[in-house]
C-alpha atoms as a PDB file:
ATOM      1  CA  UNK A   1       0.000   0.000   0.000  1.00  0.00           C
ATOM      2  CA  UNK A   2       1.394   3.395  -0.997  1.00  0.00           C
ATOM      3  CA  UNK A   3       0.861   6.161   1.538  1.00  0.00           C
ATOM      4  CA  UNK A   4       0.452   9.593  -0.022  1.00  0.00           C
ATOM      5  CA  UNK A   5       1.137  12.569   2.223  1.00  0.00           C
ATOM      6  CA  UNK A   6       1.465  16.276   1.806  1.00  0.00           C
ATOM      7  CA  UNK A   7       4.684  18.059   2.494  1.00  0.00           C
ATOM      8  CA  UNK A   8       6.005  21.583   2.655  1.00  0.00           C
ATOM      9  CA  UNK A   9       9.606  21.955   1.564  1.00  0.00           C
ATOM     10  CA  UNK A  10      11.919  24.766   2.692  1.00  0.00           C
ATOM     11  CA  UNK A  11      15.685  25.255   2.304  1.00  0.00           C
ATOM     12  CA  UNK A  12      16.663  22.989   5.196  1.00  0.00           C
ATOM     13  CA  UNK A  13      13.452  21.194   6.085  1.00  0.00           C
ATOM     14  CA  UNK A  14      10.665  18.971   4.865  1.00  0.00           C
ATOM     15  CA  UNK A  15       7.449  19.436   6.850  1.00  0.00           C
ATOM     16  CA  UNK A  16       5.502  16.195   6.529  1.00  0.00           C
ATOM     17  CA  UNK A  17       1.751  16.387   7.101  1.00  0.00           C
ATOM     18  CA  UNK A  18       0.473  13.967   9.682  1.00  0.00           C
ATOM     19  CA  UNK A  19      -1.920  11.576   7.974  1.00  0.00           C
ATOM     20  CA  UNK A  20      -3.711   8.829   9.944  1.00  0.00           C
ATOM     21  CA  UNK A  21      -0.783   6.412   9.704  1.00  0.00           C
ATOM     22  CA  UNK A  22       1.852   8.922  10.767  1.00  0.00           C
ATOM     23  CA  UNK A  23      -0.225  10.331  13.629  1.00  0.00           C
ATOM     24  CA  UNK A  24      -1.019   6.813  14.869  1.00  0.00           C
ATOM     25  CA  UNK A  25       2.691   5.992  14.736  1.00  0.00           C
ATOM     26  CA  UNK A  26       3.521   9.104  16.767  1.00  0.00           C
ATOM     27  CA  UNK A  27       1.070   8.007  19.447  1.00  0.00           C
ATOM     28  CA  UNK A  28       2.673   4.529  19.592  1.00  0.00           C
ATOM     29  CA  UNK A  29       6.142   5.979  20.209  1.00  0.00           C
ATOM     30  CA  UNK A  30       9.366   7.322  18.733  1.00  0.00           C
ATOM     31  CA  UNK A  31      10.461   4.052  17.116  1.00  0.00           C
ATOM     32  CA  UNK A  32       7.149   3.752  15.235  1.00  0.00           C
ATOM     33  CA  UNK A  33       7.233   7.413  14.228  1.00  0.00           C
ATOM     34  CA  UNK A  34      10.815   7.025  13.005  1.00  0.00           C
ATOM     35  CA  UNK A  35       9.720   4.267  10.618  1.00  0.00           C
ATOM     36  CA  UNK A  36       6.677   6.224   9.401  1.00  0.00           C
ATOM     37  CA  UNK A  37       8.757   9.343   8.704  1.00  0.00           C
ATOM     38  CA  UNK A  38      11.896   7.532   7.540  1.00  0.00           C
ATOM     39  CA  UNK A  39      13.838   9.822   9.864  1.00  0.00           C
ATOM     40  CA  UNK A  40      15.600   9.695  13.216  1.00  0.00           C
ATOM     41  CA  UNK A  41      13.271  10.515  16.107  1.00  0.00           C
ATOM     42  CA  UNK A  42      14.781  11.187  19.515  1.00  0.00           C
ATOM     43  CA  UNK A  43      12.682  11.620  22.649  1.00  0.00           C
ATOM     44  CA  UNK A  44      11.479  14.104  23.572  1.00  0.00           C
ATOM     45  CA  UNK A  45      10.624  15.438  20.134  1.00  0.00           C
ATOM     46  CA  UNK A  46       7.748  17.561  21.451  1.00  0.00           C
ATOM     47  CA  UNK A  47       7.152  19.655  24.553  1.00  0.00           C
ATOM     48  CA  UNK A  48       3.405  19.691  23.887  1.00  0.00           C
ATOM     49  CA  UNK A  49       2.852  15.987  24.615  1.00  0.00           C
ATOM     50  CA  UNK A  50       0.634  13.645  22.638  1.00  0.00           C
ATOM     51  CA  UNK A  51      -2.729  15.363  23.258  1.00  0.00           C
ATOM     52  CA  UNK A  52      -2.401  17.597  20.138  1.00  0.00           C
ATOM     53  CA  UNK A  53      -1.406  14.555  18.059  1.00  0.00           C
ATOM     54  CA  UNK A  54      -4.411  12.596  19.314  1.00  0.00           C
ATOM     55  CA  UNK A  55      -6.687  15.586  18.641  1.00  0.00           C
ATOM     56  CA  UNK A  56      -5.319  15.912  15.089  1.00  0.00           C
ATOM     57  CA  UNK A  57      -5.914  12.212  14.451  1.00  0.00           C
ATOM     58  CA  UNK A  58      -9.499  12.531  15.661  1.00  0.00           C
ATOM     59  CA  UNK A  59     -10.139  15.557  13.447  1.00  0.00           C
ATOM     60  CA  UNK A  60      -8.779  14.037  10.229  1.00  0.00           C
ATOM     61  CA  UNK A  61     -10.493  10.719  11.016  1.00  0.00           C
ATOM     62  CA  UNK A  62     -13.825  12.563  11.279  1.00  0.00           C
ATOM     63  CA  UNK A  63     -13.320  14.608   8.112  1.00  0.00           C
ATOM     64  CA  UNK A  64     -10.840  13.779   5.327  1.00  0.00           C
ATOM     65  CA  UNK A  65     -11.006  17.430   4.169  1.00  0.00           C
ATOM     66  CA  UNK A  66      -9.041  18.305   7.326  1.00  0.00           C
ATOM     67  CA  UNK A  67      -5.950  16.487   5.956  1.00  0.00           C
ATOM     68  CA  UNK A  68      -3.097  18.974   5.693  1.00  0.00           C
ATOM     69  CA  UNK A  69      -4.621  21.388   8.232  1.00  0.00           C
ATOM     70  CA  UNK A  70      -3.273  19.879  11.464  1.00  0.00           C
ATOM     71  CA  UNK A  71       0.055  18.456  12.641  1.00  0.00           C
ATOM     72  CA  UNK A  72       3.220  18.523  10.543  1.00  0.00           C
ATOM     73  CA  UNK A  73       6.539  16.895  11.375  1.00  0.00           C
ATOM     74  CA  UNK A  74       9.624  19.020  10.481  1.00  0.00           C
ATOM     75  CA  UNK A  75      12.471  16.848   9.228  1.00  0.00           C
ATOM     76  CA  UNK A  76      15.943  18.366   8.931  1.00  0.00           C
ATOM     77  CA  UNK A  77      17.021  17.422   5.385  1.00  0.00           C
ATOM     78  CA  UNK A  78      20.750  17.054   5.992  1.00  0.00           C
ATOM     79  CA  UNK A  79      20.462  15.230   9.333  1.00  0.00           C
ATOM     80  CA  UNK A  80      17.298  13.268   8.423  1.00  0.00           C
ATOM     81  CA  UNK A  81      16.035  13.985  11.926  1.00  0.00           C
ATOM     82  CA  UNK A  82      12.703  15.126  13.363  1.00  0.00           C
ATOM     83  CA  UNK A  83      13.351  18.493  15.014  1.00  0.00           C
ATOM     84  CA  UNK A  84       9.990  19.301  16.637  1.00  0.00           C
ATOM     85  CA  UNK A  85       6.396  19.712  15.559  1.00  0.00           C
ATOM     86  CA  UNK A  86       4.322  22.334  13.830  1.00  0.00           C
ATOM     87  CA  UNK A  87       1.158  22.870  11.873  1.00  0.00           C
ATOM     88  CA  UNK A  88      -2.219  24.463  11.767  1.00  0.00           C
ATOM     89  CA  UNK A  89      -5.060  24.485  14.249  1.00  0.00           C
ATOM     90  CA  UNK A  90      -7.592  23.199  11.763  1.00  0.00           C
ATOM     91  CA  UNK A  91      -8.773  24.234   8.347  1.00  0.00           C
ATOM     92  CA  UNK A  92      -9.505  27.890   7.581  1.00  0.00           C
ATOM     93  CA  UNK A  93     -12.507  29.496   9.238  1.00  0.00           C
ATOM     94  CA  UNK A  94     -15.373  30.774   7.063  1.00  0.00           C
ATOM     95  CA  UNK A  95     -13.698  34.208   7.313  1.00  0.00           C
ATOM     96  CA  UNK A  96     -10.461  32.753   5.897  1.00  0.00           C
ATOM     97  CA  UNK A  97      -8.386  32.657   9.087  1.00  0.00           C
ATOM     98  CA  UNK A  98      -5.971  29.848   9.921  1.00  0.00           C
ATOM     99  CA  UNK A  99      -3.811  29.511  13.014  1.00  0.00           C
ATOM    100  CA  UNK A 100      -0.213  28.253  13.035  1.00  0.00           C
ATOM    101  CA  UNK A 101       1.961  26.826  15.789  1.00  0.00           C
ATOM    102  CA  UNK A 102       5.486  25.432  15.928  1.00  0.00           C
ATOM    103  CA  UNK A 103       8.210  24.171  18.225  1.00  0.00           C
ATOM    104  CA  UNK A 104      11.846  23.230  17.704  1.00  0.00           C
ATOM    105  CA  UNK A 105      13.817  20.822  19.905  1.00  0.00           C
ATOM    106  CA  UNK A 106      16.563  22.484  21.936  1.00  0.00           C
ATOM    107  CA  UNK A 107      19.593  21.305  19.935  1.00  0.00           C
ATOM    108  CA  UNK A 108      18.197  22.899  16.751  1.00  0.00           C
ATOM    109  CA  UNK A 109      17.170  26.246  18.261  1.00  0.00           C
ATOM    110  CA  UNK A 110      18.886  29.542  17.432  1.00  0.00           C
ATOM    111  CA  UNK A 111      19.630  28.344  13.889  1.00  0.00           C
ATOM    112  CA  UNK A 112      16.778  30.026  12.034  1.00  0.00           C
ATOM    113  CA  UNK A 113      14.795  26.810  11.733  1.00  0.00           C
ATOM    114  CA  UNK A 114      11.800  28.076  13.729  1.00  0.00           C
ATOM    115  CA  UNK A 115      11.563  30.985  11.309  1.00  0.00           C
ATOM    116  CA  UNK A 116      11.896  28.590   8.384  1.00  0.00           C
ATOM    117  CA  UNK A 117       9.081  26.408   9.761  1.00  0.00           C
ATOM    118  CA  UNK A 118       6.760  29.362  10.354  1.00  0.00           C
ATOM    119  CA  UNK A 119       7.534  30.846   6.936  1.00  0.00           C
ATOM    120  CA  UNK A 120       6.808  27.489   5.292  1.00  0.00           C
ATOM    121  CA  UNK A 121       3.453  27.205   7.076  1.00  0.00           C
ATOM    122  CA  UNK A 122       2.511  30.779   6.119  1.00  0.00           C
ATOM    123  CA  UNK A 123       3.536  30.342   2.469  1.00  0.00           C
ATOM    124  CA  UNK A 124       1.648  27.075   2.232  1.00  0.00           C
ATOM    125  CA  UNK A 125      -1.541  28.505   3.767  1.00  0.00           C
ATOM    126  CA  UNK A 126      -1.515  31.533   1.465  1.00  0.00           C
ATOM    127  CA  UNK A 127      -1.414  29.213  -1.569  1.00  0.00           C
ATOM    128  CA  UNK A 128      -5.122  28.730  -0.876  1.00  0.00           C
ATOM    129  CA  UNK A 129      -7.141  31.710  -2.142  1.00  0.00           C
ATOM    130  CA  UNK A 130      -9.718  31.411   0.646  1.00  0.00           C
ATOM    131  CA  UNK A 131      -7.031  31.990   3.319  1.00  0.00           C
ATOM    132  CA  UNK A 132      -7.064  35.702   4.136  1.00  0.00           C
ATOM    133  CA  UNK A 133      -5.194  35.831   7.457  1.00  0.00           C
ATOM    134  CA  UNK A 134      -2.731  33.764   9.499  1.00  0.00           C
ATOM    135  CA  UNK A 135      -3.066  33.884  13.278  1.00  0.00           C
ATOM    136  CA  UNK A 136      -0.586  32.834  15.969  1.00  0.00           C
ATOM    137  CA  UNK A 137      -0.518  33.004  19.760  1.00  0.00           C
ATOM    138  CA  UNK A 138       2.511  33.366  22.034  1.00  0.00           C
ATOM    139  CA  UNK A 139       3.345  33.732  25.672  1.00  0.00           C
ATOM    140  CA  UNK A 140       2.870  37.381  26.756  1.00  0.00           C
ATOM    141  CA  UNK A 141       6.496  38.486  26.633  1.00  0.00           C
ATOM    142  CA  UNK A 142       9.252  38.881  24.072  1.00  0.00           C
ATOM    143  CA  UNK A 143      10.775  35.519  23.207  1.00  0.00           C
ATOM    144  CA  UNK A 144      12.072  33.511  20.249  1.00  0.00           C
ATOM    145  CA  UNK A 145       8.552  32.930  18.935  1.00  0.00           C
ATOM    146  CA  UNK A 146       7.573  36.604  19.062  1.00  0.00           C
ATOM    147  CA  UNK A 147      10.813  37.456  17.242  1.00  0.00           C
ATOM    148  CA  UNK A 148       9.968  34.900  14.533  1.00  0.00           C
ATOM    149  CA  UNK A 149       6.498  36.344  14.045  1.00  0.00           C
ATOM    150  CA  UNK A 150       7.793  39.922  13.902  1.00  0.00           C
ATOM    151  CA  UNK A 151      10.417  38.910  11.315  1.00  0.00           C
ATOM    152  CA  UNK A 152       7.642  37.443   9.139  1.00  0.00           C
ATOM    153  CA  UNK A 153       5.546  40.621   9.315  1.00  0.00           C
ATOM    154  CA  UNK A 154       2.989  39.565  11.927  1.00  0.00           C
ATOM    155  CA  UNK A 155       1.440  42.261  14.102  1.00  0.00           C
ATOM    156  CA  UNK A 156       0.563  41.810  17.765  1.00  0.00           C
ATOM    157  CA  UNK A 157      -3.096  42.769  17.886  1.00  0.00           C
ATOM    158  CA  UNK A 158      -4.324  41.854  21.365  1.00  0.00           C
ATOM    159  CA  UNK A 159      -3.832  40.177  24.691  1.00  0.00           C
ATOM    160  CA  UNK A 160      -6.215  37.322  25.438  1.00  0.00           C
ATOM    161  CA  UNK A 161      -7.014  35.428  28.610  1.00  0.00           C
ATOM    162  CA  UNK A 162      -6.911  31.786  27.498  1.00  0.00           C
ATOM    163  CA  UNK A 163      -8.673  29.314  29.825  1.00  0.00           C
ATOM    164  CA  UNK A 164      -5.777  26.832  29.540  1.00  0.00           C
ATOM    165  CA  UNK A 165      -2.714  29.037  29.044  1.00  0.00           C
ATOM    166  CA  UNK A 166      -3.620  32.228  30.898  1.00  0.00           C
ATOM    167  CA  UNK A 167      -2.604  35.535  29.347  1.00  0.00           C
ATOM    168  CA  UNK A 168      -1.349  35.200  25.748  1.00  0.00           C
ATOM    169  CA  UNK A 169      -0.660  37.529  22.843  1.00  0.00           C
ATOM    170  CA  UNK A 170      -2.545  37.236  19.546  1.00  0.00           C
ATOM    171  CA  UNK A 171      -0.632  37.889  16.325  1.00  0.00           C
ATOM    172  CA  UNK A 172      -2.021  38.332  12.814  1.00  0.00           C
ATOM    173  CA  UNK A 173      -0.640  38.414   9.304  1.00  0.00           C
ATOM    174  CA  UNK A 174      -3.093  39.495   6.591  1.00  0.00           C
ATOM    175  CA  UNK A 175      -2.798  38.485   2.969  1.00  0.00           C
ATOM    176  CA  UNK A 176      -1.283  41.342   0.957  1.00  0.00           C
END
């Protein structure tokens, strides 16, 4: 059986979209995920835990049109290694908004790869005409993620009290 999956390619990375097989493998553990991605996977590869992976699997299992709008796995091309996680928080809203998120494991931080991931997600989303705005949320202080968003042209538009995360900043990037 041939598994077809979507990918986003950047200079140094391939972001592989989590289909049912890949997401199920991630839930089973690093060795299973390594086989599914054909890449080295070292624990911990995510700081977010498996809940987002399980949620993504549920969403794409309920609606095949959600494929490509949830979890992606960033593989470093040269090292053939999973370096974190990233993706969208579901398909675009009726207004054309889509939210991105990303994380990079510690040994690959401060190398521009977080920016490369975010830029890849933004470029990919804007390939779809119905996407009008990209949204992101960060902790409410200057950090690597806020610097990434600023470098990509995002604007901080508000502070929000999130029931799970407390105070967070909302960022937006509108289609030109």
